[in-house]
Amino acid sequence: MQKLKKLSITIIGGLLLLLGLIMIVLPGPAILIIPLALTILALEYQWAKHYLKISQRMLSQAGRKMDAFIRKLKRKH
């Protein structure tokens, strides 16, 4: 049963990760799909947890930069 769970997580997470990587080039919400795939894969794999933390950090930084940019635009008007 444990092997089936790991296999399911690997297949679903792997397919979502592949889809997210494809969406980097093609239109699609890669910025949402890749962290979702890493979240699923992190249930079983330490390397996925590592990259998930990196992606969370990057998305947080991007959000802070976007907030600062919007505040700057509002001050100009």
C-alpha atoms as a PDB file:
ATOM      1  CA  MET A   1       0.000   0.000   0.000  1.00  0.00           C
ATOM      2  CA  GLN A   2       2.876   2.398   0.837  1.00  0.00           C
ATOM      3  CA  LYS A   3       4.513   1.720  -2.529  1.00  0.00           C
ATOM      4  CA  LEU A   4       1.233   2.488  -4.315  1.00  0.00           C
ATOM      5  CA  LYS A   5       0.982   5.807  -2.471  1.00  0.00           C
ATOM      6  CA  LYS A   6       4.549   6.762  -3.387  1.00  0.00           C
ATOM      7  CA  LEU A   7       4.011   5.713  -6.992  1.00  0.00           C
ATOM      8  CA  SER A   8       0.784   7.762  -7.206  1.00  0.00           C
ATOM      9  CA  ILE A   9       2.464  10.836  -5.741  1.00  0.00           C
ATOM     10  CA  THR A  10       5.410  10.420  -8.106  1.00  0.00           C
ATOM     11  CA  ILE A  11       3.228  10.082 -11.196  1.00  0.00           C
ATOM     12  CA  ILE A  12       0.790  12.900 -10.369  1.00  0.00           C
ATOM     13  CA  GLY A  13       3.494  15.267  -9.120  1.00  0.00           C
ATOM     14  CA  GLY A  14       5.799  14.411 -11.997  1.00  0.00           C
ATOM     15  CA  LEU A  15       3.108  14.994 -14.613  1.00  0.00           C
ATOM     16  CA  LEU A  16       2.139  18.313 -13.044  1.00  0.00           C
ATOM     17  CA  LEU A  17       5.777  19.367 -12.874  1.00  0.00           C
ATOM     18  CA  LEU A  18       6.274  18.451 -16.524  1.00  0.00           C
ATOM     19  CA  LEU A  19       3.114  20.366 -17.436  1.00  0.00           C
ATOM     20  CA  GLY A  20       4.334  23.391 -15.474  1.00  0.00           C
ATOM     21  CA  LEU A  21       7.714  23.306 -17.198  1.00  0.00           C
ATOM     22  CA  ILE A  22       5.992  23.148 -20.582  1.00  0.00           C
ATOM     23  CA  MET A  23       3.860  26.133 -19.560  1.00  0.00           C
ATOM     24  CA  ILE A  24       6.979  28.211 -19.088  1.00  0.00           C
ATOM     25  CA  VAL A  25       7.322  28.214 -22.873  1.00  0.00           C
ATOM     26  CA  LEU A  26       3.664  27.846 -23.838  1.00  0.00           C
ATOM     27  CA  PRO A  27       0.777  29.915 -22.461  1.00  0.00           C
ATOM     28  CA  GLY A  28      -0.453  28.755 -19.095  1.00  0.00           C
ATOM     29  CA  PRO A  29      -0.219  29.307 -15.344  1.00  0.00           C
ATOM     30  CA  ALA A  30       3.254  27.802 -14.818  1.00  0.00           C
ATOM     31  CA  ILE A  31       3.744  30.027 -11.763  1.00  0.00           C
ATOM     32  CA  LEU A  32       0.881  28.137 -10.085  1.00  0.00           C
ATOM     33  CA  ILE A  33       1.390  24.635 -11.462  1.00  0.00           C
ATOM     34  CA  ILE A  34       5.074  24.241 -10.587  1.00  0.00           C
ATOM     35  CA  PRO A  35       4.665  25.006  -6.849  1.00  0.00           C
ATOM     36  CA  LEU A  36       1.596  22.733  -6.772  1.00  0.00           C
ATOM     37  CA  ALA A  37       3.618  19.905  -8.315  1.00  0.00           C
ATOM     38  CA  LEU A  38       6.469  20.489  -5.872  1.00  0.00           C
ATOM     39  CA  THR A  39       4.008  20.455  -2.965  1.00  0.00           C
ATOM     40  CA  ILE A  40       2.713  17.065  -4.050  1.00  0.00           C
ATOM     41  CA  LEU A  41       6.204  15.677  -4.648  1.00  0.00           C
ATOM     42  CA  ALA A  42       7.407  17.063  -1.292  1.00  0.00           C
ATOM     43  CA  LEU A  43       5.098  14.577   0.419  1.00  0.00           C
ATOM     44  CA  GLU A  44       7.616  11.862  -0.513  1.00  0.00           C
ATOM     45  CA  TYR A  45      10.835  13.510  -1.699  1.00  0.00           C
ATOM     46  CA  GLN A  46      13.257  15.726   0.211  1.00  0.00           C
ATOM     47  CA  TRP A  47      14.630  17.334  -2.968  1.00  0.00           C
ATOM     48  CA  ALA A  48      11.118  18.554  -3.858  1.00  0.00           C
ATOM     49  CA  LYS A  49      10.734  20.080  -0.388  1.00  0.00           C
ATOM     50  CA  HIS A  50      14.005  21.944  -0.923  1.00  0.00           C
ATOM     51  CA  TYR A  51      12.876  23.379  -4.274  1.00  0.00           C
ATOM     52  CA  LEU A  52       9.426  24.150  -2.893  1.00  0.00           C
ATOM     53  CA  LYS A  53      11.011  26.337  -0.202  1.00  0.00           C
ATOM     54  CA  ILE A  54      13.066  28.106  -2.861  1.00  0.00           C
ATOM     55  CA  SER A  55       9.985  28.731  -5.012  1.00  0.00           C
ATOM     56  CA  GLN A  56       8.040  30.025  -1.987  1.00  0.00           C
ATOM     57  CA  ARG A  57      10.870  32.432  -1.197  1.00  0.00           C
ATOM     58  CA  MET A  58      11.007  33.641  -4.803  1.00  0.00           C
ATOM     59  CA  LEU A  59       7.239  34.144  -5.012  1.00  0.00           C
ATOM     60  CA  SER A  60       7.250  36.073  -1.722  1.00  0.00           C
ATOM     61  CA  GLN A  61      10.029  38.337  -2.995  1.00  0.00           C
ATOM     62  CA  ALA A  62       8.153  38.898  -6.252  1.00  0.00           C
ATOM     63  CA  GLY A  63       5.000  39.783  -4.305  1.00  0.00           C
ATOM     64  CA  ARG A  64       6.866  42.303  -2.131  1.00  0.00           C
ATOM     65  CA  LYS A  65       8.444  43.899  -5.223  1.00  0.00           C
ATOM     66  CA  MET A  66       5.062  44.118  -6.929  1.00  0.00           C
ATOM     67  CA  ASP A  67       3.526  45.733  -3.830  1.00  0.00           C
ATOM     68  CA  ALA A  68       6.335  48.298  -3.745  1.00  0.00           C
ATOM     69  CA  PHE A  69       5.891  48.995  -7.456  1.00  0.00           C
ATOM     70  CA  ILE A  70       2.137  49.540  -7.067  1.00  0.00           C
ATOM     71  CA  ARG A  71       2.668  51.843  -4.057  1.00  0.00           C
ATOM     72  CA  LYS A  72       5.158  53.834  -6.132  1.00  0.00           C
ATOM     73  CA  LEU A  73       2.666  54.170  -9.002  1.00  0.00           C
ATOM     74  CA  LYS A  74      -0.085  55.319  -6.649  1.00  0.00           C
ATOM     75  CA  ARG A  75       2.144  58.059  -5.222  1.00  0.00           C
ATOM     76  CA  LYS A  76       2.736  59.480  -8.721  1.00  0.00           C
ATOM     77  CA  HIS A  77      -0.994  59.979  -9.345  1.00  0.00           C
END
